[in-house]
C-alpha atoms as a PDB file:
ATOM      1  CA  UNK A   1     114.611  51.464  49.727  1.00  0.00           C
ATOM      2  CA  UNK A   2     116.559  54.643  50.478  1.00  0.00           C
ATOM      3  CA  UNK A   3     119.932  54.238  52.162  1.00  0.00           C
ATOM      4  CA  UNK A   4     120.012  55.534  55.743  1.00  0.00           C
ATOM      5  CA  UNK A   5     122.379  58.466  56.206  1.00  0.00           C
ATOM      6  CA  UNK A   6     124.152  57.680  59.468  1.00  0.00           C
ATOM      7  CA  UNK A   7     125.416  61.229  60.003  1.00  0.00           C
ATOM      8  CA  UNK A   8     122.018  62.879  59.534  1.00  0.00           C
ATOM      9  CA  UNK A   9     120.389  60.250  61.747  1.00  0.00           C
ATOM     10  CA  UNK A  10     122.839  60.997  64.579  1.00  0.00           C
ATOM     11  CA  UNK A  11     122.432  64.748  64.111  1.00  0.00           C
ATOM     12  CA  UNK A  12     118.631  64.585  64.176  1.00  0.00           C
ATOM     13  CA  UNK A  13     118.566  62.345  67.260  1.00  0.00           C
ATOM     14  CA  UNK A  14     120.978  64.677  69.054  1.00  0.00           C
ATOM     15  CA  UNK A  15     118.778  67.660  68.154  1.00  0.00           C
ATOM     16  CA  UNK A  16     115.716  65.895  69.563  1.00  0.00           C
ATOM     17  CA  UNK A  17     117.672  65.155  72.760  1.00  0.00           C
ATOM     18  CA  UNK A  18     118.472  68.865  72.992  1.00  0.00           C
ATOM     19  CA  UNK A  19     114.789  69.789  72.677  1.00  0.00           C
ATOM     20  CA  UNK A  20     113.742  67.528  75.564  1.00  0.00           C
ATOM     21  CA  UNK A  21     113.003  69.386  78.824  1.00  0.00           C
ATOM     22  CA  UNK A  22     115.828  68.925  81.326  1.00  0.00           C
ATOM     23  CA  UNK A  23     114.838  67.623  84.770  1.00  0.00           C
ATOM     24  CA  UNK A  24     115.880  69.551  87.878  1.00  0.00           C
ATOM     25  CA  UNK A  25     118.403  66.840  88.756  1.00  0.00           C
ATOM     26  CA  UNK A  26     120.130  66.997  85.355  1.00  0.00           C
ATOM     27  CA  UNK A  27     123.886  67.692  85.495  1.00  0.00           C
ATOM     28  CA  UNK A  28     124.641  71.412  85.335  1.00  0.00           C
ATOM     29  CA  UNK A  29     127.024  73.475  83.214  1.00  0.00           C
ATOM     30  CA  UNK A  30     128.137  77.104  82.911  1.00  0.00           C
ATOM     31  CA  UNK A  31     129.639  78.122  79.572  1.00  0.00           C
ATOM     32  CA  UNK A  32     132.157  80.951  79.203  1.00  0.00           C
ATOM     33  CA  UNK A  33     133.212  82.366  75.816  1.00  0.00           C
ATOM     34  CA  UNK A  34     129.916  80.796  74.772  1.00  0.00           C
ATOM     35  CA  UNK A  35     129.783  82.218  71.226  1.00  0.00           C
ATOM     36  CA  UNK A  36     126.576  81.339  69.425  1.00  0.00           C
ATOM     37  CA  UNK A  37     126.221  78.151  71.469  1.00  0.00           C
ATOM     38  CA  UNK A  38     128.180  75.310  69.858  1.00  0.00           C
ATOM     39  CA  UNK A  39     129.399  73.953  73.191  1.00  0.00           C
ATOM     40  CA  UNK A  40     126.095  74.737  74.859  1.00  0.00           C
ATOM     41  CA  UNK A  41     124.232  72.730  72.241  1.00  0.00           C
ATOM     42  CA  UNK A  42     126.592  69.789  72.753  1.00  0.00           C
ATOM     43  CA  UNK A  43     125.998  69.802  76.508  1.00  0.00           C
ATOM     44  CA  UNK A  44     122.254  70.071  76.006  1.00  0.00           C
ATOM     45  CA  UNK A  45     122.348  67.162  73.558  1.00  0.00           C
ATOM     46  CA  UNK A  46     124.097  65.169  76.312  1.00  0.00           C
ATOM     47  CA  UNK A  47     121.346  65.992  78.823  1.00  0.00           C
ATOM     48  CA  UNK A  48     122.988  68.865  80.712  1.00  0.00           C
ATOM     49  CA  UNK A  49     121.067  71.859  82.036  1.00  0.00           C
ATOM     50  CA  UNK A  50     122.873  75.136  81.352  1.00  0.00           C
ATOM     51  CA  UNK A  51     122.654  77.685  84.159  1.00  0.00           C
ATOM     52  CA  UNK A  52     124.526  80.595  82.566  1.00  0.00           C
ATOM     53  CA  UNK A  53     126.337  81.567  79.360  1.00  0.00           C
ATOM     54  CA  UNK A  54     128.958  84.336  79.237  1.00  0.00           C
ATOM     55  CA  UNK A  55     129.667  86.077  75.905  1.00  0.00           C
ATOM     56  CA  UNK A  56     130.510  89.622  74.769  1.00  0.00           C
ATOM     57  CA  UNK A  57     129.920  89.628  70.983  1.00  0.00           C
ATOM     58  CA  UNK A  58     126.561  91.183  70.034  1.00  0.00           C
ATOM     59  CA  UNK A  59     125.756  88.876  67.102  1.00  0.00           C
ATOM     60  CA  UNK A  60     126.856  85.785  69.019  1.00  0.00           C
ATOM     61  CA  UNK A  61     124.622  86.735  71.965  1.00  0.00           C
ATOM     62  CA  UNK A  62     121.647  87.463  69.706  1.00  0.00           C
ATOM     63  CA  UNK A  63     122.130  84.107  67.975  1.00  0.00           C
ATOM     64  CA  UNK A  64     122.506  82.313  71.297  1.00  0.00           C
ATOM     65  CA  UNK A  65     119.284  83.823  72.641  1.00  0.00           C
ATOM     66  CA  UNK A  66     117.392  82.742  69.517  1.00  0.00           C
ATOM     67  CA  UNK A  67     118.365  79.133  70.106  1.00  0.00           C
ATOM     68  CA  UNK A  68     118.522  79.000  73.919  1.00  0.00           C
ATOM     69  CA  UNK A  69     115.724  81.304  75.101  1.00  0.00           C
ATOM     70  CA  UNK A  70     115.661  79.729  78.564  1.00  0.00           C
ATOM     71  CA  UNK A  71     119.396  80.064  79.326  1.00  0.00           C
ATOM     72  CA  UNK A  72     120.441  83.256  81.163  1.00  0.00           C
ATOM     73  CA  UNK A  73     123.200  85.174  79.351  1.00  0.00           C
ATOM     74  CA  UNK A  74     125.758  87.587  80.761  1.00  0.00           C
ATOM     75  CA  UNK A  75     126.327  89.868  77.751  1.00  0.00           C
ATOM     76  CA  UNK A  76     129.656  91.480  78.475  1.00  0.00           C
ATOM     77  CA  UNK A  77     133.366  91.162  79.212  1.00  0.00           C
ATOM     78  CA  UNK A  78     134.250  88.072  81.267  1.00  0.00           C
ATOM     79  CA  UNK A  79     136.747  90.223  83.189  1.00  0.00           C
ATOM     80  CA  UNK A  80     133.857  92.338  84.496  1.00  0.00           C
ATOM     81  CA  UNK A  81     131.748  89.570  86.024  1.00  0.00           C
ATOM     82  CA  UNK A  82     132.518  88.520  89.593  1.00  0.00           C
ATOM     83  CA  UNK A  83     132.253  85.085  91.147  1.00  0.00           C
ATOM     84  CA  UNK A  84     129.567  86.520  93.441  1.00  0.00           C
ATOM     85  CA  UNK A  85     127.515  87.661  90.442  1.00  0.00           C
ATOM     86  CA  UNK A  86     127.737  84.198  88.875  1.00  0.00           C
ATOM     87  CA  UNK A  87     126.623  82.547  92.107  1.00  0.00           C
ATOM     88  CA  UNK A  88     123.744  84.993  92.462  1.00  0.00           C
ATOM     89  CA  UNK A  89     122.588  84.538  88.852  1.00  0.00           C
ATOM     90  CA  UNK A  90     122.655  80.725  89.080  1.00  0.00           C
ATOM     91  CA  UNK A  91     121.597  80.142  92.672  1.00  0.00           C
ATOM     92  CA  UNK A  92     124.686  78.004  93.210  1.00  0.00           C
ATOM     93  CA  UNK A  93     127.053  77.658  96.138  1.00  0.00           C
ATOM     94  CA  UNK A  94     130.789  77.098  95.485  1.00  0.00           C
ATOM     95  CA  UNK A  95     131.416  73.439  94.737  1.00  0.00           C
ATOM     96  CA  UNK A  96     127.878  72.642  93.514  1.00  0.00           C
ATOM     97  CA  UNK A  97     128.345  73.148  89.762  1.00  0.00           C
ATOM     98  CA  UNK A  98     128.982  69.973  87.777  1.00  0.00           C
ATOM     99  CA  UNK A  99     130.899  71.361  84.764  1.00  0.00           C
ATOM    100  CA  UNK A 100     132.548  74.706  84.045  1.00  0.00           C
ATOM    101  CA  UNK A 101     133.227  75.071  80.322  1.00  0.00           C
ATOM    102  CA  UNK A 102     135.130  77.547  78.210  1.00  0.00           C
ATOM    103  CA  UNK A 103     137.134  78.060  75.045  1.00  0.00           C
ATOM    104  CA  UNK A 104     139.220  81.194  75.563  1.00  0.00           C
ATOM    105  CA  UNK A 105     139.841  82.939  72.217  1.00  0.00           C
ATOM    106  CA  UNK A 106     142.765  81.215  70.576  1.00  0.00           C
ATOM    107  CA  UNK A 107     144.039  83.532  67.845  1.00  0.00           C
ATOM    108  CA  UNK A 108     147.335  84.040  69.676  1.00  0.00           C
ATOM    109  CA  UNK A 109     147.920  80.285  69.819  1.00  0.00           C
ATOM    110  CA  UNK A 110     146.751  79.300  66.360  1.00  0.00           C
ATOM    111  CA  UNK A 111     149.150  77.809  63.815  1.00  0.00           C
ATOM    112  CA  UNK A 112     147.118  79.709  61.209  1.00  0.00           C
ATOM    113  CA  UNK A 113     148.091  83.037  62.784  1.00  0.00           C
ATOM    114  CA  UNK A 114     151.369  84.725  63.680  1.00  0.00           C
ATOM    115  CA  UNK A 115     151.553  83.047  67.124  1.00  0.00           C
ATOM    116  CA  UNK A 116     152.626  86.139  69.007  1.00  0.00           C
ATOM    117  CA  UNK A 117     153.744  85.199  72.507  1.00  0.00           C
ATOM    118  CA  UNK A 118     152.421  88.347  74.188  1.00  0.00           C
ATOM    119  CA  UNK A 119     149.114  88.504  72.299  1.00  0.00           C
ATOM    120  CA  UNK A 120     146.700  89.814  74.965  1.00  0.00           C
ATOM    121  CA  UNK A 121     144.136  87.211  73.888  1.00  0.00           C
ATOM    122  CA  UNK A 122     146.468  84.548  75.300  1.00  0.00           C
ATOM    123  CA  UNK A 123     145.761  85.928  78.781  1.00  0.00           C
ATOM    124  CA  UNK A 124     141.990  85.507  78.692  1.00  0.00           C
ATOM    125  CA  UNK A 125     142.420  82.045  80.140  1.00  0.00           C
ATOM    126  CA  UNK A 126     143.357  83.799  83.397  1.00  0.00           C
ATOM    127  CA  UNK A 127     139.800  85.150  83.630  1.00  0.00           C
ATOM    128  CA  UNK A 128     138.574  81.598  83.109  1.00  0.00           C
ATOM    129  CA  UNK A 129     140.851  80.434  85.944  1.00  0.00           C
ATOM    130  CA  UNK A 130     139.631  83.238  88.225  1.00  0.00           C
ATOM    131  CA  UNK A 131     136.032  82.046  87.896  1.00  0.00           C
ATOM    132  CA  UNK A 132     137.091  78.405  88.117  1.00  0.00           C
ATOM    133  CA  UNK A 133     138.739  79.009  91.493  1.00  0.00           C
ATOM    134  CA  UNK A 134     135.718  80.858  92.821  1.00  0.00           C
ATOM    135  CA  UNK A 135     133.064  78.422  91.595  1.00  0.00           C
ATOM    136  CA  UNK A 136     135.002  75.203  92.346  1.00  0.00           C
ATOM    137  CA  UNK A 137     133.026  72.999  89.924  1.00  0.00           C
ATOM    138  CA  UNK A 138     133.440  69.246  90.063  1.00  0.00           C
ATOM    139  CA  UNK A 139     134.801  69.176  86.498  1.00  0.00           C
ATOM    140  CA  UNK A 140     136.058  71.741  84.026  1.00  0.00           C
ATOM    141  CA  UNK A 141     136.521  71.540  80.265  1.00  0.00           C
ATOM    142  CA  UNK A 142     138.707  73.954  78.329  1.00  0.00           C
ATOM    143  CA  UNK A 143     139.121  73.717  74.553  1.00  0.00           C
ATOM    144  CA  UNK A 144     141.848  75.304  72.471  1.00  0.00           C
ATOM    145  CA  UNK A 145     143.732  74.935  69.205  1.00  0.00           C
ATOM    146  CA  UNK A 146     146.452  72.362  68.624  1.00  0.00           C
ATOM    147  CA  UNK A 147     148.946  75.199  68.097  1.00  0.00           C
ATOM    148  CA  UNK A 148     149.198  75.612  71.851  1.00  0.00           C
ATOM    149  CA  UNK A 149     151.482  72.563  72.083  1.00  0.00           C
ATOM    150  CA  UNK A 150     153.750  73.548  69.186  1.00  0.00           C
ATOM    151  CA  UNK A 151     156.951  75.605  69.165  1.00  0.00           C
ATOM    152  CA  UNK A 152     157.151  78.658  71.413  1.00  0.00           C
ATOM    153  CA  UNK A 153     153.558  78.243  72.493  1.00  0.00           C
ATOM    154  CA  UNK A 154     154.574  75.220  74.608  1.00  0.00           C
ATOM    155  CA  UNK A 155     155.617  77.785  77.231  1.00  0.00           C
ATOM    156  CA  UNK A 156     152.079  79.158  77.379  1.00  0.00           C
ATOM    157  CA  UNK A 157     150.686  75.609  77.432  1.00  0.00           C
ATOM    158  CA  UNK A 158     152.894  74.833  80.451  1.00  0.00           C
ATOM    159  CA  UNK A 159     151.754  78.063  82.119  1.00  0.00           C
ATOM    160  CA  UNK A 160     148.093  77.208  81.551  1.00  0.00           C
ATOM    161  CA  UNK A 161     148.537  73.662  82.834  1.00  0.00           C
ATOM    162  CA  UNK A 162     150.310  74.946  85.944  1.00  0.00           C
ATOM    163  CA  UNK A 163     147.530  77.462  86.673  1.00  0.00           C
ATOM    164  CA  UNK A 164     144.805  74.857  86.237  1.00  0.00           C
ATOM    165  CA  UNK A 165     146.517  72.345  88.538  1.00  0.00           C
ATOM    166  CA  UNK A 166     147.186  75.059  91.108  1.00  0.00           C
ATOM    167  CA  UNK A 167     143.413  75.662  91.152  1.00  0.00           C
ATOM    168  CA  UNK A 168     142.937  72.326  92.919  1.00  0.00           C
ATOM    169  CA  UNK A 169     142.330  70.012  89.954  1.00  0.00           C
ATOM    170  CA  UNK A 170     143.787  66.878  88.469  1.00  0.00           C
ATOM    171  CA  UNK A 171     144.205  67.820  84.803  1.00  0.00           C
ATOM    172  CA  UNK A 172     144.592  65.901  81.572  1.00  0.00           C
ATOM    173  CA  UNK A 173     145.097  67.513  78.144  1.00  0.00           C
ATOM    174  CA  UNK A 174     144.718  65.578  74.896  1.00  0.00           C
ATOM    175  CA  UNK A 175     144.570  66.375  71.205  1.00  0.00           C
ATOM    176  CA  UNK A 176     141.283  65.072  69.796  1.00  0.00           C
ATOM    177  CA  UNK A 177     140.019  65.303  66.217  1.00  0.00           C
ATOM    178  CA  UNK A 178     136.313  66.073  65.821  1.00  0.00           C
ATOM    179  CA  UNK A 179     136.080  63.847  62.740  1.00  0.00           C
ATOM    180  CA  UNK A 180     136.204  60.788  65.035  1.00  0.00           C
ATOM    181  CA  UNK A 181     133.291  62.163  67.042  1.00  0.00           C
ATOM    182  CA  UNK A 182     130.555  62.327  64.378  1.00  0.00           C
ATOM    183  CA  UNK A 183     131.654  65.645  62.814  1.00  0.00           C
ATOM    184  CA  UNK A 184     132.269  65.693  59.008  1.00  0.00           C
ATOM    185  CA  UNK A 185     135.261  67.979  59.462  1.00  0.00           C
ATOM    186  CA  UNK A 186     138.910  67.302  60.302  1.00  0.00           C
ATOM    187  CA  UNK A 187     139.296  69.626  63.284  1.00  0.00           C
ATOM    188  CA  UNK A 188     142.026  68.817  65.786  1.00  0.00           C
ATOM    189  CA  UNK A 189     141.692  70.554  69.119  1.00  0.00           C
ATOM    190  CA  UNK A 190     143.375  70.433  72.496  1.00  0.00           C
ATOM    191  CA  UNK A 191     140.891  69.440  75.187  1.00  0.00           C
ATOM    192  CA  UNK A 192     141.720  70.041  78.840  1.00  0.00           C
ATOM    193  CA  UNK A 193     139.629  68.092  81.326  1.00  0.00           C
ATOM    194  CA  UNK A 194     140.066  68.696  85.043  1.00  0.00           C
ATOM    195  CA  UNK A 195     138.507  66.934  88.023  1.00  0.00           C
ATOM    196  CA  UNK A 196     138.476  68.549  91.458  1.00  0.00           C
ATOM    197  CA  UNK A 197     141.109  66.854  93.625  1.00  0.00           C
ATOM    198  CA  UNK A 198     138.817  66.073  96.557  1.00  0.00           C
ATOM    199  CA  UNK A 199     136.666  63.843  94.325  1.00  0.00           C
ATOM    200  CA  UNK A 200     139.539  61.363  93.959  1.00  0.00           C
ATOM    201  CA  UNK A 201     138.754  60.659  90.269  1.00  0.00           C
ATOM    202  CA  UNK A 202     141.306  60.711  87.476  1.00  0.00           C
ATOM    203  CA  UNK A 203     140.417  62.887  84.464  1.00  0.00           C
ATOM    204  CA  UNK A 204     139.992  61.042  81.172  1.00  0.00           C
ATOM    205  CA  UNK A 205     138.939  61.691  77.589  1.00  0.00           C
ATOM    206  CA  UNK A 206     136.424  59.990  75.309  1.00  0.00           C
ATOM    207  CA  UNK A 207     137.706  57.425  72.838  1.00  0.00           C
ATOM    208  CA  UNK A 208     137.012  57.790  69.124  1.00  0.00           C
ATOM    209  CA  UNK A 209     133.415  56.794  68.460  1.00  0.00           C
ATOM    210  CA  UNK A 210     132.809  57.161  64.721  1.00  0.00           C
ATOM    211  CA  UNK A 211     134.442  56.828  61.357  1.00  0.00           C
ATOM    212  CA  UNK A 212     135.028  60.102  59.525  1.00  0.00           C
ATOM    213  CA  UNK A 213     131.840  61.196  57.758  1.00  0.00           C
ATOM    214  CA  UNK A 214     132.275  62.625  54.261  1.00  0.00           C
ATOM    215  CA  UNK A 215     131.191  65.881  52.651  1.00  0.00           C
ATOM    216  CA  UNK A 216     128.759  63.877  50.514  1.00  0.00           C
ATOM    217  CA  UNK A 217     127.096  62.478  53.638  1.00  0.00           C
ATOM    218  CA  UNK A 218     127.035  65.923  55.235  1.00  0.00           C
ATOM    219  CA  UNK A 219     125.414  67.597  52.223  1.00  0.00           C
ATOM    220  CA  UNK A 220     122.940  64.792  51.580  1.00  0.00           C
ATOM    221  CA  UNK A 221     119.441  66.130  50.698  1.00  0.00           C
ATOM    222  CA  UNK A 222     120.653  69.769  50.715  1.00  0.00           C
ATOM    223  CA  UNK A 223     120.138  71.757  47.550  1.00  0.00           C
ATOM    224  CA  UNK A 224     123.084  74.118  47.076  1.00  0.00           C
ATOM    225  CA  UNK A 225     122.071  77.770  47.047  1.00  0.00           C
ATOM    226  CA  UNK A 226     123.388  81.007  48.470  1.00  0.00           C
ATOM    227  CA  UNK A 227     127.097  80.285  48.212  1.00  0.00           C
ATOM    228  CA  UNK A 228     129.597  83.132  47.921  1.00  0.00           C
ATOM    229  CA  UNK A 229     130.844  83.612  44.329  1.00  0.00           C
ATOM    230  CA  UNK A 230     134.572  84.176  43.797  1.00  0.00           C
ATOM    231  CA  UNK A 231     135.576  87.645  42.621  1.00  0.00           C
ATOM    232  CA  UNK A 232     138.569  89.358  41.045  1.00  0.00           C
ATOM    233  CA  UNK A 233     141.323  87.136  39.727  1.00  0.00           C
ATOM    234  CA  UNK A 234     139.996  84.243  41.801  1.00  0.00           C
ATOM    235  CA  UNK A 235     137.006  84.043  39.462  1.00  0.00           C
ATOM    236  CA  UNK A 236     139.256  82.781  36.647  1.00  0.00           C
ATOM    237  CA  UNK A 237     141.178  80.352  38.861  1.00  0.00           C
ATOM    238  CA  UNK A 238     138.304  78.592  40.599  1.00  0.00           C
ATOM    239  CA  UNK A 239     137.149  76.591  37.515  1.00  0.00           C
ATOM    240  CA  UNK A 240     140.640  75.051  37.375  1.00  0.00           C
ATOM    241  CA  UNK A 241     140.625  73.857  40.987  1.00  0.00           C
ATOM    242  CA  UNK A 242     139.886  70.154  41.362  1.00  0.00           C
ATOM    243  CA  UNK A 243     138.473  68.408  44.408  1.00  0.00           C
ATOM    244  CA  UNK A 244     141.018  68.363  47.225  1.00  0.00           C
ATOM    245  CA  UNK A 245     143.155  71.115  45.667  1.00  0.00           C
ATOM    246  CA  UNK A 246     143.985  74.607  46.840  1.00  0.00           C
ATOM    247  CA  UNK A 247     143.508  77.534  44.464  1.00  0.00           C
ATOM    248  CA  UNK A 248     147.136  78.584  45.070  1.00  0.00           C
ATOM    249  CA  UNK A 249     148.233  75.654  42.894  1.00  0.00           C
ATOM    250  CA  UNK A 250     146.796  77.481  39.890  1.00  0.00           C
ATOM    251  CA  UNK A 251     148.110  80.987  40.637  1.00  0.00           C
ATOM    252  CA  UNK A 252     151.582  81.923  39.290  1.00  0.00           C
ATOM    253  CA  UNK A 253     152.571  83.462  42.629  1.00  0.00           C
ATOM    254  CA  UNK A 254     150.769  80.950  44.835  1.00  0.00           C
ATOM    255  CA  UNK A 255     148.064  83.368  45.974  1.00  0.00           C
ATOM    256  CA  UNK A 256     144.663  82.287  47.379  1.00  0.00           C
ATOM    257  CA  UNK A 257     146.209  79.692  49.669  1.00  0.00           C
ATOM    258  CA  UNK A 258     143.069  79.782  51.797  1.00  0.00           C
ATOM    259  CA  UNK A 259     140.720  78.775  48.974  1.00  0.00           C
ATOM    260  CA  UNK A 260     140.216  75.025  48.777  1.00  0.00           C
ATOM    261  CA  UNK A 261     137.751  72.756  46.948  1.00  0.00           C
ATOM    262  CA  UNK A 262     136.032  70.163  49.095  1.00  0.00           C
ATOM    263  CA  UNK A 263     136.112  66.470  48.193  1.00  0.00           C
ATOM    264  CA  UNK A 264     132.886  64.485  48.166  1.00  0.00           C
ATOM    265  CA  UNK A 265     134.657  61.409  49.540  1.00  0.00           C
ATOM    266  CA  UNK A 266     136.435  62.932  52.544  1.00  0.00           C
ATOM    267  CA  UNK A 267     135.590  65.075  55.561  1.00  0.00           C
ATOM    268  CA  UNK A 268     136.011  68.816  55.118  1.00  0.00           C
ATOM    269  CA  UNK A 269     139.193  70.482  56.340  1.00  0.00           C
ATOM    270  CA  UNK A 270     138.919  72.673  59.440  1.00  0.00           C
ATOM    271  CA  UNK A 271     136.272  75.337  59.012  1.00  0.00           C
ATOM    272  CA  UNK A 272     138.042  78.504  60.158  1.00  0.00           C
ATOM    273  CA  UNK A 273     136.231  81.688  61.078  1.00  0.00           C
ATOM    274  CA  UNK A 274     137.515  83.723  58.098  1.00  0.00           C
ATOM    275  CA  UNK A 275     136.707  81.153  55.419  1.00  0.00           C
ATOM    276  CA  UNK A 276     133.643  83.133  54.438  1.00  0.00           C
ATOM    277  CA  UNK A 277     135.843  85.844  52.945  1.00  0.00           C
ATOM    278  CA  UNK A 278     135.824  86.206  49.149  1.00  0.00           C
ATOM    279  CA  UNK A 279     139.545  85.367  48.911  1.00  0.00           C
ATOM    280  CA  UNK A 280     139.386  82.548  51.430  1.00  0.00           C
ATOM    281  CA  UNK A 281     136.663  80.151  50.348  1.00  0.00           C
ATOM    282  CA  UNK A 282     135.721  76.544  50.901  1.00  0.00           C
ATOM    283  CA  UNK A 283     134.519  75.701  47.408  1.00  0.00           C
ATOM    284  CA  UNK A 284     131.639  73.354  46.676  1.00  0.00           C
ATOM    285  CA  UNK A 285     132.925  70.035  45.257  1.00  0.00           C
ATOM    286  CA  UNK A 286     131.203  70.619  41.890  1.00  0.00           C
ATOM    287  CA  UNK A 287     129.965  74.219  41.774  1.00  0.00           C
ATOM    288  CA  UNK A 288     132.360  77.131  41.264  1.00  0.00           C
ATOM    289  CA  UNK A 289     131.482  79.103  44.380  1.00  0.00           C
ATOM    290  CA  UNK A 290     131.811  78.927  48.139  1.00  0.00           C
ATOM    291  CA  UNK A 291     129.559  76.591  50.072  1.00  0.00           C
ATOM    292  CA  UNK A 292     126.370  77.977  51.587  1.00  0.00           C
ATOM    293  CA  UNK A 293     125.680  78.724  55.247  1.00  0.00           C
ATOM    294  CA  UNK A 294     123.345  75.719  55.337  1.00  0.00           C
ATOM    295  CA  UNK A 295     126.236  73.562  54.100  1.00  0.00           C
ATOM    296  CA  UNK A 296     128.773  74.999  56.548  1.00  0.00           C
ATOM    297  CA  UNK A 297     126.316  74.351  59.377  1.00  0.00           C
ATOM    298  CA  UNK A 298     126.209  70.703  58.324  1.00  0.00           C
ATOM    299  CA  UNK A 299     130.032  70.552  58.338  1.00  0.00           C
ATOM    300  CA  UNK A 300     130.015  72.066  61.825  1.00  0.00           C
ATOM    301  CA  UNK A 301     127.431  69.518  63.076  1.00  0.00           C
ATOM    302  CA  UNK A 302     124.843  72.223  63.693  1.00  0.00           C
ATOM    303  CA  UNK A 303     121.298  70.965  62.997  1.00  0.00           C
ATOM    304  CA  UNK A 304     119.367  72.536  60.124  1.00  0.00           C
ATOM    305  CA  UNK A 305     116.916  74.084  62.597  1.00  0.00           C
ATOM    306  CA  UNK A 306     119.660  76.043  64.388  1.00  0.00           C
ATOM    307  CA  UNK A 307     118.810  79.703  63.741  1.00  0.00           C
ATOM    308  CA  UNK A 308     121.338  82.348  62.662  1.00  0.00           C
ATOM    309  CA  UNK A 309     121.197  86.062  61.900  1.00  0.00           C
ATOM    310  CA  UNK A 310     123.541  88.459  60.130  1.00  0.00           C
ATOM    311  CA  UNK A 311     125.268  88.426  56.744  1.00  0.00           C
ATOM    312  CA  UNK A 312     127.096  85.491  55.157  1.00  0.00           C
ATOM    313  CA  UNK A 313     130.507  86.289  56.679  1.00  0.00           C
ATOM    314  CA  UNK A 314     129.090  86.873  60.154  1.00  0.00           C
ATOM    315  CA  UNK A 315     127.095  83.643  60.150  1.00  0.00           C
ATOM    316  CA  UNK A 316     130.143  81.769  58.841  1.00  0.00           C
ATOM    317  CA  UNK A 317     132.287  83.280  61.618  1.00  0.00           C
ATOM    318  CA  UNK A 318     129.878  82.013  64.268  1.00  0.00           C
ATOM    319  CA  UNK A 319     130.251  78.426  62.997  1.00  0.00           C
ATOM    320  CA  UNK A 320     134.009  78.689  62.454  1.00  0.00           C
ATOM    321  CA  UNK A 321     134.493  79.994  66.000  1.00  0.00           C
ATOM    322  CA  UNK A 322     132.347  77.278  67.584  1.00  0.00           C
ATOM    323  CA  UNK A 323     133.147  73.943  69.104  1.00  0.00           C
ATOM    324  CA  UNK A 324     131.154  71.520  66.894  1.00  0.00           C
ATOM    325  CA  UNK A 325     128.096  70.475  68.933  1.00  0.00           C
ATOM    326  CA  UNK A 326     128.438  66.750  68.246  1.00  0.00           C
ATOM    327  CA  UNK A 327     132.087  66.902  69.316  1.00  0.00           C
ATOM    328  CA  UNK A 328     131.162  68.537  72.618  1.00  0.00           C
ATOM    329  CA  UNK A 329     128.250  66.118  72.999  1.00  0.00           C
ATOM    330  CA  UNK A 330     130.758  63.238  73.016  1.00  0.00           C
ATOM    331  CA  UNK A 331     132.961  64.984  75.573  1.00  0.00           C
ATOM    332  CA  UNK A 332     129.968  65.872  77.761  1.00  0.00           C
ATOM    333  CA  UNK A 333     128.553  62.341  77.635  1.00  0.00           C
ATOM    334  CA  UNK A 334     131.942  60.950  78.617  1.00  0.00           C
ATOM    335  CA  UNK A 335     132.136  63.315  81.593  1.00  0.00           C
ATOM    336  CA  UNK A 336     128.588  62.493  82.628  1.00  0.00           C
ATOM    337  CA  UNK A 337     129.050  58.715  82.430  1.00  0.00           C
ATOM    338  CA  UNK A 338     132.724  58.089  83.229  1.00  0.00           C
ATOM    339  CA  UNK A 339     133.533  60.905  85.658  1.00  0.00           C
ATOM    340  CA  UNK A 340     130.373  62.263  87.283  1.00  0.00           C
ATOM    341  CA  UNK A 341     128.598  58.890  87.046  1.00  0.00           C
ATOM    342  CA  UNK A 342     125.220  60.546  86.640  1.00  0.00           C
END
């Protein structure tokens, strides 16, 4: 008798939940910085009905529309859409929306980047706040990288927290790791949850609900094909890299720090958006090339039937930039059951 793969069972059930028609009385969500739909898929898996997605990137919007043909999309700059336009597009009145979601681009906060204090991308959260104040949803969710609470970026974190509370919300921010929420990837993120003050409910976060799933479980029944081969000097180094090692260990000057071989017995490290580059690979545990898009989707908790378009690097970027759907599903279910009580 074949052993049941717990991860794939959860992923398939969540996908089927997403495909179910949503009743008119389902809890509602608007997603900003929607990307290709990682958060949106998580909310849908948790039974939410999405009224609008806001995204500017052409490939992300095209991918989103492939997978969410019934969700209206504002394809453009969030700074250019007014509260009135959002209300008109969704048929909502201020205060009616259940959840307002968004993950403002985080490059300026990330510990993987240079963490420039005045990076203009750090100010995009102000556009999120502008819409939040106009729409007055019952709950908001804002996701960002853990780097926001480290070093100099604590000042921006304090600024963000102050703005969110001044918008009329009780706010809680917690670091959560997706690997404890059914995602086979160690991905620590800062999750802000706010509840409108007049509701009299304290914000809270979901508790860990799964053990970490391994790369072996994630890749179960997938035949590896279509991975990116290493090039240049990396081609000679990759065969030396063992599971769990970085390629920099085998370069005399420590180059190729971003290339890392996955371990069968552990979750993957964080899938970053640039890991599809030829000098910045997540290597297959046994094969001397980067993992395939099908494999990176599994690590990101995207179902196999999730459709993508574009070249390898572009498709990889969509997954690396996304909130893992099963992670957001856990957050959305917690909000639905513990806060909204729907």
